Amino acid sequence: MSINHENIVPFKMVTPEQKMALRQREKTVPLTEWSDEDLMLIFGEGNEEAFGELVRRYERSIFNYMFRMVHNWHIAEELTQEVFMAIVSSAERYQPTAKFSTYLYTIASNIVSKEWTKQNRKPRFFSLSQWWHSSDNSNDDHEWNPVEHHADPHLDVWRDTKCTEISEAINKALKKIPERQREAFVLRRFLELPYEEIANILDVPLGTAKTRVLRAERALRPYLEHFREYLNEQ
C-alpha cells in the first residue's frame, strides 16, 4: 500500500530556500520542539539526532500497533525495526505531502499486510483487560469503548479472572472479523487516530473507514453478551 497523494490535502513542497532556513534553525531550536515533518526533512539532510527524536516519539506506539496485530513480541519488534528502516531508506526522498504520522502508519500498515501474506495465516490479536457496555446509538462516535488494555495491578483475583475471560472472548471474536475491519478498529480504538487519518493510511474514503470500525464493533457485541452484567457494573 502506498500513500495516495490525490486523496489528501498536500503540504507545500519544500524549496531549497526552506531547507536552508531549516539548517539555520538547527543551531538555535532544540529538536524536541520541532515538528515531525521538519525532523524528517533535516534527517534527510544528514541530521541523525533528528531520526533519534522521531524514534523516541513513535517507537512505542508503532510497537504497540504491531503487537496488537500479530500478538507476538519478537515479531512485533522485528516489524517495528522494519518500519524505521523504511523511514531511513526514504529519508532523502521525503516530502511533507501529508502528516508524518499518516506517512509512518501507512508504512506500518503495509508491512503488517506483507507479514500476514508471508505467514499465510490469520494474525493473532491483542488482549483487552475489559469491555464497556455501550449505547445502541449507531451514530455515536463512542459506541464501543474498550478500557485501557494494560493490566491493572490493583485488580482483585476475581476481577482479574473475569477480565481474562473477556479478553479470550474478544480474541476469538476478532478472528472472525475481516482483516480490513480489524485494522481500522485497532487504528481507531487503540491508537486513537482520527477517522480522516485512518482513511488516508488505508487509502479509502472517510465513510469506508468509519463503516469498517462500526462493523467491527457490532460484530464483537454478540460474543460479549455473556459478560453484560459484569460490564455494566464497571
Protein backbone atom coordinates (compact mmCIF):
# COMPACT_ATOMS: atom_id res chain seq x y z
CA MET A 1 0.00 0.00 0.00
CA SER A 2 1.29 3.46 -0.83
CA ILE A 3 0.10 6.90 0.16
CA ASN A 4 -2.37 8.18 -2.40
CA HIS A 5 -1.41 11.83 -2.67
CA GLU A 6 -4.53 12.61 -4.69
CA ASN A 7 -6.77 11.85 -1.72
CA ILE A 8 -5.12 14.16 0.80
CA VAL A 9 -4.61 17.88 1.11
CA PRO A 10 -0.90 18.39 0.38
CA PHE A 11 1.56 20.48 2.32
CA LYS A 12 3.69 22.82 0.24
CA MET A 13 6.67 21.12 -1.34
CA VAL A 14 9.94 22.09 0.30
CA THR A 15 12.11 24.52 -1.62
CA PRO A 16 15.92 24.86 -1.37
CA GLU A 17 15.40 28.14 0.47
CA GLN A 18 13.21 26.45 3.06
CA LYS A 19 15.80 23.73 3.56
CA MET A 20 18.43 26.41 4.15
CA ALA A 21 16.18 28.00 6.76
CA LEU A 22 15.82 24.65 8.47
CA ARG A 23 19.59 24.28 8.65
CA GLN A 24 19.84 27.68 10.31
CA ARG A 25 17.12 26.73 12.77
CA GLU A 26 19.04 23.63 13.80
CA LYS A 27 21.58 25.90 15.51
CA THR A 28 19.07 27.58 17.82
CA VAL A 29 15.98 25.41 18.38
CA PRO A 30 16.10 22.10 20.35
CA LEU A 31 14.92 19.12 18.32
CA THR A 32 12.28 18.34 20.93
CA GLU A 33 10.46 21.49 19.77
CA TRP A 34 10.48 20.61 16.06
CA SER A 35 7.52 19.22 14.17
CA ASP A 36 7.68 15.62 12.96
CA GLU A 37 7.74 16.76 9.36
CA ASP A 38 10.69 19.12 9.85
CA LEU A 39 12.59 16.47 11.79
CA MET A 40 12.18 14.10 8.87
CA LEU A 41 13.42 16.76 6.47
CA ILE A 42 16.61 17.51 8.38
CA PHE A 43 17.18 13.79 8.91
CA GLY A 44 17.12 13.51 5.14
CA GLU A 45 19.83 16.17 5.11
CA GLY A 46 22.03 14.10 7.43
CA ASN A 47 20.97 15.01 10.97
CA GLU A 48 20.89 11.61 12.71
CA GLU A 49 19.77 13.15 16.01
CA ALA A 50 16.53 14.12 14.27
CA PHE A 51 15.91 10.47 13.49
CA GLY A 52 16.56 9.61 17.12
CA GLU A 53 13.91 12.11 18.17
CA LEU A 54 11.38 10.58 15.76
CA VAL A 55 12.14 7.12 17.13
CA ARG A 56 11.67 8.44 20.66
CA ARG A 57 8.26 9.84 19.73
CA TYR A 58 6.89 6.88 17.81
CA GLU A 59 8.73 3.67 18.71
CA ARG A 60 6.36 2.67 21.48
CA SER A 61 3.17 3.36 19.52
CA ILE A 62 4.44 1.53 16.44
CA PHE A 63 5.46 -1.46 18.57
CA ASN A 64 2.05 -1.48 20.28
CA TYR A 65 0.34 -1.41 16.91
CA MET A 66 2.46 -4.28 15.63
CA PHE A 67 2.00 -6.35 18.78
CA ARG A 68 -1.77 -5.93 18.64
CA MET A 69 -1.82 -7.06 15.04
CA VAL A 70 0.48 -10.12 15.30
CA HIS A 71 0.35 -10.87 19.06
CA ASN A 72 3.96 -11.99 19.09
CA TRP A 73 6.55 -9.94 20.95
CA HIS A 74 9.56 -10.86 18.84
CA ILE A 75 7.78 -10.49 15.51
CA ALA A 76 6.41 -7.13 16.66
CA GLU A 77 9.95 -5.98 17.49
CA GLU A 78 11.21 -7.09 14.09
CA LEU A 79 8.35 -5.36 12.27
CA THR A 80 8.90 -2.18 14.29
CA GLN A 81 12.55 -2.16 13.24
CA GLU A 82 11.46 -2.72 9.65
CA VAL A 83 9.22 0.35 9.80
CA PHE A 84 12.06 2.59 10.95
CA MET A 85 14.45 1.04 8.44
CA ALA A 86 11.93 2.04 5.75
CA ILE A 87 11.97 5.57 7.17
CA VAL A 88 15.75 5.63 6.89
CA SER A 89 15.63 4.38 3.32
CA SER A 90 13.11 7.00 2.24
CA ALA A 91 14.54 9.95 4.18
CA GLU A 92 16.35 11.63 1.29
CA ARG A 93 13.24 11.44 -0.91
CA TYR A 94 10.77 12.54 1.77
CA GLN A 95 8.44 15.45 1.10
CA PRO A 96 5.80 16.51 3.67
CA THR A 97 2.79 15.81 1.45
CA ALA A 98 0.86 14.51 4.48
CA LYS A 99 1.20 14.44 8.23
CA PHE A 100 4.26 12.44 9.23
CA SER A 101 2.12 10.17 11.43
CA THR A 102 -0.03 9.30 8.40
CA TYR A 103 3.11 8.58 6.38
CA LEU A 104 4.50 6.42 9.21
CA TYR A 105 1.37 4.38 9.86
CA THR A 106 0.86 3.81 6.15
CA ILE A 107 4.30 2.18 6.07
CA ALA A 108 3.41 0.17 9.19
CA SER A 109 0.11 -0.96 7.68
CA ASN A 110 1.86 -2.08 4.53
CA ILE A 111 4.43 -4.06 6.50
CA VAL A 112 1.72 -5.78 8.56
CA SER A 113 -0.09 -6.79 5.36
CA LYS A 114 3.12 -8.29 3.98
CA GLU A 115 3.67 -10.18 7.24
CA TRP A 116 0.19 -11.70 7.06
CA THR A 117 0.84 -12.76 3.49
CA LYS A 118 4.28 -14.17 4.31
CA GLN A 119 2.99 -16.22 7.22
CA ASN A 120 -0.07 -17.29 5.25
CA ARG A 121 -2.13 -17.18 8.38
CA LYS A 122 -4.62 -15.05 10.19
CA PRO A 123 -2.99 -12.78 12.79
CA ARG A 124 -3.43 -13.42 16.47
CA PHE A 125 -4.74 -10.48 18.37
CA PHE A 126 -4.13 -8.28 21.34
CA SER A 127 -5.82 -8.80 24.67
CA LEU A 128 -8.17 -6.37 26.34
CA SER A 129 -8.49 -6.08 30.08
CA GLN A 130 -12.24 -5.49 29.90
CA TRP A 131 -15.04 -4.15 27.73
CA TRP A 132 -17.55 -1.42 28.49
CA HIS A 133 -21.18 -1.82 27.63
CA SER A 134 -22.11 0.81 25.05
CA SER A 135 -25.28 2.51 23.87
CA ASP A 136 -27.33 1.25 20.97
CA ASN A 137 -26.97 4.54 19.10
CA SER A 138 -25.13 3.54 15.92
CA ASN A 139 -24.35 7.20 15.17
CA ASP A 140 -22.49 7.69 18.43
CA ASP A 141 -18.76 8.01 17.78
CA HIS A 142 -18.15 6.42 21.21
CA GLU A 143 -20.42 3.43 20.62
CA TRP A 144 -17.70 1.00 21.60
CA ASN A 145 -15.27 1.94 24.34
CA PRO A 146 -12.52 -0.55 25.19
CA VAL A 147 -10.90 0.03 28.55
CA GLU A 148 -7.17 0.58 28.90
CA HIS A 149 -5.55 -2.61 27.59
CA HIS A 150 -2.66 -2.76 30.06
CA ALA A 151 -3.08 -4.84 33.17
CA ASP A 152 -4.25 -3.13 36.35
CA PRO A 153 -2.00 -4.27 39.25
CA HIS A 154 -4.77 -3.48 41.76
CA LEU A 155 -7.36 -5.83 40.30
CA ASP A 156 -8.52 -8.45 42.77
CA VAL A 157 -8.31 -12.11 41.80
CA TRP A 158 -11.98 -12.43 40.80
CA ARG A 159 -11.92 -9.33 38.63
CA ASP A 160 -8.62 -10.34 37.04
CA THR A 161 -10.07 -13.74 36.18
CA LYS A 162 -13.15 -12.13 34.68
CA CYS A 163 -11.00 -9.77 32.61
CA THR A 164 -9.05 -12.74 31.28
CA GLU A 165 -12.29 -14.44 30.24
CA ILE A 166 -13.42 -11.29 28.43
CA SER A 167 -10.05 -10.96 26.71
CA GLU A 168 -10.28 -14.52 25.45
CA ALA A 169 -13.82 -13.92 24.21
CA ILE A 170 -12.76 -10.80 22.32
CA ASN A 171 -9.76 -12.56 20.81
CA LYS A 172 -12.00 -15.33 19.49
CA ALA A 173 -14.44 -12.78 18.10
CA LEU A 174 -11.73 -10.74 16.40
CA LYS A 175 -10.56 -13.79 14.49
CA LYS A 176 -13.94 -13.86 12.77
CA ILE A 177 -13.72 -10.25 11.58
CA PRO A 178 -12.23 -9.45 8.16
CA GLU A 179 -8.68 -8.13 8.32
CA ARG A 180 -9.62 -4.73 6.90
CA GLN A 181 -12.16 -4.20 9.66
CA ARG A 182 -9.71 -5.32 12.33
CA GLU A 183 -7.02 -2.95 11.17
CA ALA A 184 -9.37 0.04 11.07
CA PHE A 185 -10.61 -0.95 14.52
CA VAL A 186 -7.11 -1.05 16.01
CA LEU A 187 -6.13 2.28 14.46
CA ARG A 188 -9.25 3.94 15.84
CA ARG A 189 -9.87 2.38 19.23
CA PHE A 190 -6.34 1.68 20.41
CA LEU A 191 -4.13 4.17 18.60
CA GLU A 192 -6.96 6.72 18.81
CA LEU A 193 -6.29 8.14 15.37
CA PRO A 194 -8.93 10.40 13.81
CA TYR A 195 -11.05 8.87 11.09
CA GLU A 196 -9.59 11.24 8.49
CA GLU A 197 -6.10 9.95 9.18
CA ILE A 198 -7.24 6.32 9.18
CA ALA A 199 -8.81 6.88 5.79
CA ASN A 200 -5.52 8.24 4.45
CA ILE A 201 -3.50 5.39 5.94
CA LEU A 202 -5.78 2.72 4.50
CA ASP A 203 -6.28 4.66 1.26
CA VAL A 204 -10.07 4.51 1.48
CA PRO A 205 -12.87 7.12 1.59
CA LEU A 206 -13.69 8.59 5.01
CA GLY A 207 -17.07 6.87 5.09
CA THR A 208 -15.46 3.50 4.42
CA ALA A 209 -13.07 3.93 7.36
CA LYS A 210 -15.97 4.73 9.70
CA THR A 211 -18.01 1.82 8.38
CA ARG A 212 -15.19 -0.68 8.94
CA VAL A 213 -14.81 0.38 12.58
CA LEU A 214 -18.56 0.30 13.19
CA ARG A 215 -18.95 -3.15 11.64
CA ALA A 216 -16.10 -4.50 13.78
CA GLU A 217 -17.73 -3.10 16.92
CA ARG A 218 -21.12 -4.57 16.05
CA ALA A 219 -19.59 -7.94 15.26
CA LEU A 220 -18.00 -8.09 18.71
CA ARG A 221 -21.16 -7.37 20.68
CA PRO A 222 -22.88 -10.78 20.46
CA TYR A 223 -19.77 -12.51 21.76
CA LEU A 224 -19.81 -10.37 24.89
CA GLU A 225 -23.46 -10.68 25.87
CA HIS A 226 -22.44 -13.28 28.45
CA PHE A 227 -20.47 -10.55 30.29
CA ARG A 228 -23.12 -7.82 30.09
CA GLU A 229 -23.99 -7.84 33.81
CA TYR A 230 -20.36 -7.58 34.86
CA LEU A 231 -19.54 -4.89 32.32
CA ASN A 232 -22.49 -2.73 33.35
CA GLU A 233 -21.10 -2.67 36.90
CA GLN A 234 -17.75 -1.18 35.82
